[in-house]
């Protein structure tokens, strides 16, 4: 499945850019790739958290 990617403008502070660039370099990614990786991880964590909360509500 070929997933199309959306292009979005993103404004970051210089300090955040530097932190992300250093982190990306450590992980052998581009800054764009690092941002995409981090956002994907956050979405997965949120889904897991919400799933856990829904299951927890049913255990009364």
N, C-alpha and C. Protein backbone atom coordinates (compact mmCIF):
# COMPACT_ATOMS: atom_id res chain seq x y z
N UNK A 1 0.85 -1.18 0.00
CA UNK A 1 0.00 0.00 0.00
C UNK A 1 0.89 1.24 0.00
N UNK A 2 0.73 2.08 -0.98
CA UNK A 2 1.53 3.29 -1.09
C UNK A 2 0.78 4.43 -0.42
N UNK A 3 1.25 4.80 0.77
CA UNK A 3 0.59 5.84 1.54
C UNK A 3 1.14 7.20 1.14
N UNK A 4 0.26 8.11 0.72
CA UNK A 4 0.70 9.45 0.36
C UNK A 4 1.00 10.22 1.64
N UNK A 5 2.00 11.06 1.56
CA UNK A 5 2.39 11.86 2.71
C UNK A 5 1.94 13.30 2.49
N UNK A 6 1.47 13.90 3.55
CA UNK A 6 1.04 15.30 3.52
C UNK A 6 2.24 16.18 3.86
N UNK A 7 2.32 17.29 3.20
CA UNK A 7 3.34 18.29 3.52
C UNK A 7 2.67 19.37 4.35
N UNK A 8 3.31 19.71 5.47
CA UNK A 8 2.77 20.76 6.32
C UNK A 8 3.90 21.72 6.71
N UNK A 9 3.57 23.00 6.79
CA UNK A 9 4.58 23.93 7.31
C UNK A 9 4.67 23.76 8.82
N UNK A 10 5.86 23.80 9.34
CA UNK A 10 6.05 23.62 10.77
C UNK A 10 7.07 24.62 11.26
N UNK A 11 6.69 25.41 12.23
CA UNK A 11 7.60 26.40 12.80
C UNK A 11 8.11 25.88 14.13
N UNK A 12 9.42 25.86 14.26
CA UNK A 12 10.06 25.40 15.49
C UNK A 12 11.04 26.46 15.97
N UNK A 13 11.21 26.54 17.26
CA UNK A 13 12.23 27.44 17.79
C UNK A 13 13.60 26.89 17.41
N UNK A 14 14.58 27.76 17.38
CA UNK A 14 15.94 27.33 17.05
C UNK A 14 16.44 26.27 18.03
N UNK A 15 16.14 26.45 19.30
CA UNK A 15 16.63 25.49 20.30
C UNK A 15 15.98 24.12 20.11
N UNK A 16 14.68 24.09 19.81
CA UNK A 16 14.02 22.81 19.58
C UNK A 16 14.57 22.15 18.33
N UNK A 17 14.79 22.95 17.28
CA UNK A 17 15.36 22.42 16.04
C UNK A 17 16.71 21.77 16.31
N UNK A 18 17.56 22.45 17.07
CA UNK A 18 18.88 21.90 17.38
C UNK A 18 18.78 20.60 18.16
N UNK A 19 17.88 20.54 19.12
CA UNK A 19 17.68 19.32 19.90
C UNK A 19 17.20 18.17 19.01
N UNK A 20 16.23 18.45 18.16
CA UNK A 20 15.72 17.43 17.25
C UNK A 20 16.78 16.98 16.25
N UNK A 21 17.57 17.93 15.76
CA UNK A 21 18.63 17.59 14.80
C UNK A 21 19.67 16.69 15.44
N UNK A 22 20.05 16.98 16.68
CA UNK A 22 21.03 16.15 17.38
C UNK A 22 20.46 14.76 17.63
N UNK A 23 19.21 14.70 18.05
CA UNK A 23 18.56 13.42 18.32
C UNK A 23 18.44 12.62 17.03
N UNK A 24 18.05 13.28 15.95
CA UNK A 24 17.91 12.61 14.66
C UNK A 24 19.26 12.03 14.23
N UNK A 25 20.31 12.80 14.41
CA UNK A 25 21.64 12.32 14.03
C UNK A 25 22.02 11.09 14.84
N UNK A 26 21.71 11.10 16.13
CA UNK A 26 22.00 9.94 16.99
C UNK A 26 21.26 8.70 16.51
N UNK A 27 20.05 8.90 15.99
CA UNK A 27 19.21 7.78 15.53
C UNK A 27 19.36 7.51 14.03
N UNK A 28 20.31 8.18 13.37
CA UNK A 28 20.56 8.02 11.93
C UNK A 28 19.31 8.32 11.10
N UNK A 29 18.62 9.40 11.45
CA UNK A 29 17.44 9.84 10.72
C UNK A 29 17.61 11.29 10.31
N UNK A 30 16.80 11.71 9.35
CA UNK A 30 16.70 13.14 9.04
C UNK A 30 15.84 13.77 10.13
N UNK A 31 15.87 15.09 10.21
CA UNK A 31 15.02 15.77 11.19
C UNK A 31 13.55 15.47 10.87
N UNK A 32 13.20 15.51 9.58
CA UNK A 32 11.83 15.21 9.18
C UNK A 32 11.46 13.78 9.60
N UNK A 33 12.36 12.84 9.35
CA UNK A 33 12.11 11.45 9.73
C UNK A 33 11.96 11.30 11.24
N UNK A 34 12.76 12.05 11.99
CA UNK A 34 12.69 11.99 13.45
C UNK A 34 11.35 12.52 13.95
N UNK A 35 10.92 13.63 13.39
CA UNK A 35 9.63 14.20 13.79
C UNK A 35 8.50 13.23 13.46
N UNK A 36 8.55 12.63 12.28
CA UNK A 36 7.51 11.66 11.90
C UNK A 36 7.54 10.45 12.84
N UNK A 37 8.73 9.96 13.16
CA UNK A 37 8.88 8.84 14.08
C UNK A 37 8.28 9.18 15.45
N UNK A 38 8.63 10.35 15.98
CA UNK A 38 8.14 10.75 17.30
C UNK A 38 6.63 10.92 17.32
N UNK A 39 6.08 11.52 16.29
CA UNK A 39 4.62 11.68 16.23
C UNK A 39 3.92 10.33 16.12
N UNK A 40 4.48 9.42 15.33
CA UNK A 40 3.91 8.08 15.21
C UNK A 40 3.92 7.36 16.55
N UNK A 41 5.04 7.46 17.27
CA UNK A 41 5.14 6.84 18.59
C UNK A 41 4.10 7.42 19.56
N UNK A 42 3.93 8.73 19.53
CA UNK A 42 2.95 9.38 20.40
C UNK A 42 1.53 8.92 20.09
N UNK A 43 1.21 8.80 18.81
CA UNK A 43 -0.13 8.33 18.42
C UNK A 43 -0.35 6.90 18.90
N UNK A 44 0.66 6.02 18.74
CA UNK A 44 0.53 4.64 19.21
C UNK A 44 0.35 4.59 20.73
N UNK A 45 1.12 5.39 21.46
CA UNK A 45 1.00 5.43 22.91
C UNK A 45 -0.39 5.92 23.33
N UNK A 46 -0.90 6.91 22.63
CA UNK A 46 -2.22 7.44 22.95
C UNK A 46 -3.30 6.39 22.71
N UNK A 47 -3.17 5.66 21.60
CA UNK A 47 -4.13 4.60 21.31
C UNK A 47 -4.09 3.53 22.39
N UNK A 48 -2.89 3.14 22.81
CA UNK A 48 -2.76 2.13 23.87
C UNK A 48 -3.36 2.63 25.16
N UNK A 49 -3.10 3.88 25.49
CA UNK A 49 -3.60 4.48 26.73
C UNK A 49 -5.12 4.55 26.71
N UNK A 50 -5.68 4.97 25.60
CA UNK A 50 -7.14 5.06 25.51
C UNK A 50 -7.78 3.68 25.54
N UNK A 51 -7.14 2.70 24.93
CA UNK A 51 -7.65 1.34 24.95
C UNK A 51 -7.63 0.81 26.37
N UNK A 52 -6.55 1.08 27.09
CA UNK A 52 -6.43 0.64 28.48
C UNK A 52 -7.50 1.30 29.34
N UNK A 53 -7.73 2.61 29.14
CA UNK A 53 -8.75 3.32 29.90
C UNK A 53 -10.13 2.76 29.64
N UNK A 54 -10.44 2.44 28.39
CA UNK A 54 -11.75 1.88 28.06
C UNK A 54 -11.93 0.51 28.70
N UNK A 55 -10.89 -0.32 28.67
CA UNK A 55 -10.96 -1.63 29.31
C UNK A 55 -11.09 -1.49 30.81
N UNK A 56 -10.41 -0.52 31.38
CA UNK A 56 -10.44 -0.28 32.83
C UNK A 56 -11.83 0.14 33.27
N UNK A 57 -12.54 0.91 32.44
CA UNK A 57 -13.89 1.35 32.77
C UNK A 57 -14.86 0.17 32.83
N UNK A 58 -14.62 -0.86 32.05
CA UNK A 58 -15.52 -2.01 31.99
C UNK A 58 -15.30 -2.98 33.14
N UNK A 59 -14.26 -2.78 33.95
CA UNK A 59 -13.93 -3.70 35.03
C UNK A 59 -14.41 -3.12 36.35
N UNK A 60 -15.69 -2.90 36.48
CA UNK A 60 -16.23 -2.32 37.71
C UNK A 60 -16.83 -3.37 38.58
